Structure formats: C-alpha cells, structure tokens
C-alpha cells in the first residue's frame, strides 16, 4: 500500500515536471498589436528571451512599422519594417528590479 502511494507521487511529480519543462513554461508572455497589414508582436520564451516582430505590407496605409526593446533607458534593439516583416530577439536580465525590466514599444510611421 505504501509502495503504491509513493509510486503515484513519483509519477505525478514527473508529469508536472514534464509539463513545465516541455510546454507549460516555454511561453510566458505574448502580445500582438495592430492588424494584419501593419502591427507588431512580442513573445517571451522560457522567461529569458524576447522575440519581437513588426510587419508593414504594401496595402498598409502607413510607410513603416517598428518595434523597440528598452532596458534601463537603453535601447537594446530597434527594427523597422517598410514592406514586409522584420524580426529580432533580445535576452532578458534575470536580476530583479525596475531598471532590469525589458520593455517593448511599437509605433507606426507616417501615413503614405
């Protein structure tokens, strides 16, 4: 009886660890802005890497769309899409505090 209980506990623990390792913790944050013609998105992978994208297609009323990652007032990455899609990634800072927070910004350029 005790062996069966221990066995069930071990199996349960392995299932939880497997879910967290393979799927549950792989995507922590995702956001998308704009529309199918002009917009931007940011996803956080494994809580340590940010993947950004911006798109601006020829039928968009805007000349460009861009995204920027900033930490502690410093620009880590800035990408601009004029006709098509651009992507880029930055690594997170694992320290705690506001100055270590990675922020995502996006904007559209002037109208055509």
Protein backbone atom coordinates (compact mmCIF):
# COMPACT_ATOMS: atom_id res chain seq x y z
CA UNK A 1 0.00 0.00 0.00
CA UNK A 2 2.80 2.43 0.90
CA UNK A 3 4.73 1.49 -2.25
CA UNK A 4 1.70 2.22 -4.47
CA UNK A 5 1.25 5.63 -2.84
CA UNK A 6 4.94 6.52 -3.31
CA UNK A 7 4.79 5.31 -6.92
CA UNK A 8 1.78 7.55 -7.63
CA UNK A 9 3.53 10.52 -6.03
CA UNK A 10 6.65 9.97 -8.15
CA UNK A 11 4.60 9.63 -11.35
CA UNK A 12 2.62 12.78 -10.50
CA UNK A 13 5.82 14.71 -9.87
CA UNK A 14 7.33 13.53 -13.16
CA UNK A 15 4.21 14.58 -15.07
CA UNK A 16 4.25 18.06 -13.53
CA UNK A 17 7.97 18.50 -14.23
CA UNK A 18 7.48 17.28 -17.81
CA UNK A 19 4.62 19.68 -18.48
CA UNK A 20 6.58 22.62 -17.10
CA UNK A 21 9.75 21.70 -18.96
CA UNK A 22 8.16 20.93 -22.32
CA UNK A 23 5.18 23.20 -22.58
CA UNK A 24 3.93 24.98 -19.54
CA UNK A 25 6.93 27.24 -19.00
CA UNK A 26 8.05 27.64 -22.60
CA UNK A 27 5.80 30.60 -23.37
CA UNK A 28 5.39 33.06 -20.54
CA UNK A 29 4.12 36.16 -22.30
CA UNK A 30 2.78 37.09 -25.72
CA UNK A 31 1.22 40.27 -27.08
CA UNK A 32 0.20 41.43 -30.52
CA UNK A 33 -0.72 44.94 -31.64
CA UNK A 34 -2.12 46.48 -34.81
CA UNK A 35 -3.70 44.46 -37.59
CA UNK A 36 -2.75 42.10 -40.41
CA UNK A 37 -1.40 44.94 -42.58
CA UNK A 38 0.61 46.87 -40.00
CA UNK A 39 1.47 45.75 -36.49
CA UNK A 40 3.94 44.30 -34.04
CA UNK A 41 4.21 41.44 -31.58
CA UNK A 42 6.39 40.30 -28.72
CA UNK A 43 6.70 36.86 -27.16
CA UNK A 44 8.73 35.75 -24.17
CA UNK A 45 10.34 32.31 -24.41
CA UNK A 46 11.40 30.37 -21.33
CA UNK A 47 11.23 33.65 -19.37
CA UNK A 48 14.69 34.66 -20.61
CA UNK A 49 14.38 35.60 -24.28
CA UNK A 50 12.12 38.10 -26.02
CA UNK A 51 11.23 37.62 -29.69
CA UNK A 52 9.85 40.67 -31.46
CA UNK A 53 8.34 41.21 -34.89
CA UNK A 54 6.96 44.12 -36.89
CA UNK A 55 5.17 43.96 -40.22
CA UNK A 56 4.07 46.54 -42.72
CA UNK A 57 2.70 45.30 -46.02
CA UNK A 58 2.25 47.24 -49.26
CA UNK A 59 -1.52 47.65 -48.80
CA UNK A 60 -0.98 49.25 -45.37
CA UNK A 61 -1.78 52.97 -45.15
CA UNK A 62 1.49 53.51 -43.23
CA UNK A 63 5.02 53.95 -44.58
CA UNK A 64 6.54 51.81 -41.82
CA UNK A 65 6.02 49.96 -38.54
CA UNK A 66 8.70 49.42 -35.91
CA UNK A 67 9.37 47.79 -32.56
CA UNK A 68 11.93 48.58 -29.87
CA UNK A 69 13.17 46.76 -26.78
CA UNK A 70 14.43 49.03 -23.97
CA UNK A 71 16.00 48.28 -20.58
CA UNK A 72 17.01 50.92 -18.04
CA UNK A 73 16.65 53.69 -20.63
CA UNK A 74 18.96 51.98 -23.13
CA UNK A 75 17.74 50.73 -26.48
CA UNK A 76 18.58 47.06 -26.86
CA UNK A 77 17.08 46.65 -30.33
CA UNK A 78 15.12 48.68 -32.85
CA UNK A 79 13.75 47.18 -36.07
CA UNK A 80 11.72 48.88 -38.80
CA UNK A 81 9.54 47.18 -41.42
CA UNK A 82 8.88 49.18 -44.58
CA UNK A 83 7.45 46.49 -46.86
CA UNK A 84 7.29 43.06 -45.29
CA UNK A 85 8.23 41.70 -41.88
CA UNK A 86 11.27 42.12 -39.61
CA UNK A 87 12.12 40.08 -36.51
CA UNK A 88 14.68 40.15 -33.73
CA UNK A 89 15.46 38.76 -30.28
CA UNK A 90 16.99 40.05 -27.04
CA UNK A 91 17.96 38.23 -23.85
CA UNK A 92 16.33 39.14 -20.56
CA UNK A 93 18.23 40.32 -17.49
CA UNK A 94 17.49 37.84 -14.71
CA UNK A 95 18.02 40.35 -11.92
CA UNK A 96 15.03 41.84 -10.08
CA UNK A 97 14.01 45.49 -10.12
CA UNK A 98 12.51 48.11 -12.40
CA UNK A 99 15.82 49.01 -14.02
CA UNK A 100 16.25 45.38 -15.14
CA UNK A 101 12.80 45.16 -16.72
CA UNK A 102 12.81 44.74 -20.51
CA UNK A 103 10.12 46.89 -22.15
CA UNK A 104 8.58 46.55 -25.60
CA UNK A 105 7.39 49.53 -27.63
CA UNK A 106 5.94 49.70 -31.12
CA UNK A 107 4.87 52.50 -33.43
CA UNK A 108 3.70 53.22 -36.92
CA UNK A 109 5.33 55.67 -39.27
CA UNK A 110 3.64 58.46 -41.20
CA UNK A 111 0.69 57.82 -43.46
CA UNK A 112 1.53 57.22 -47.14
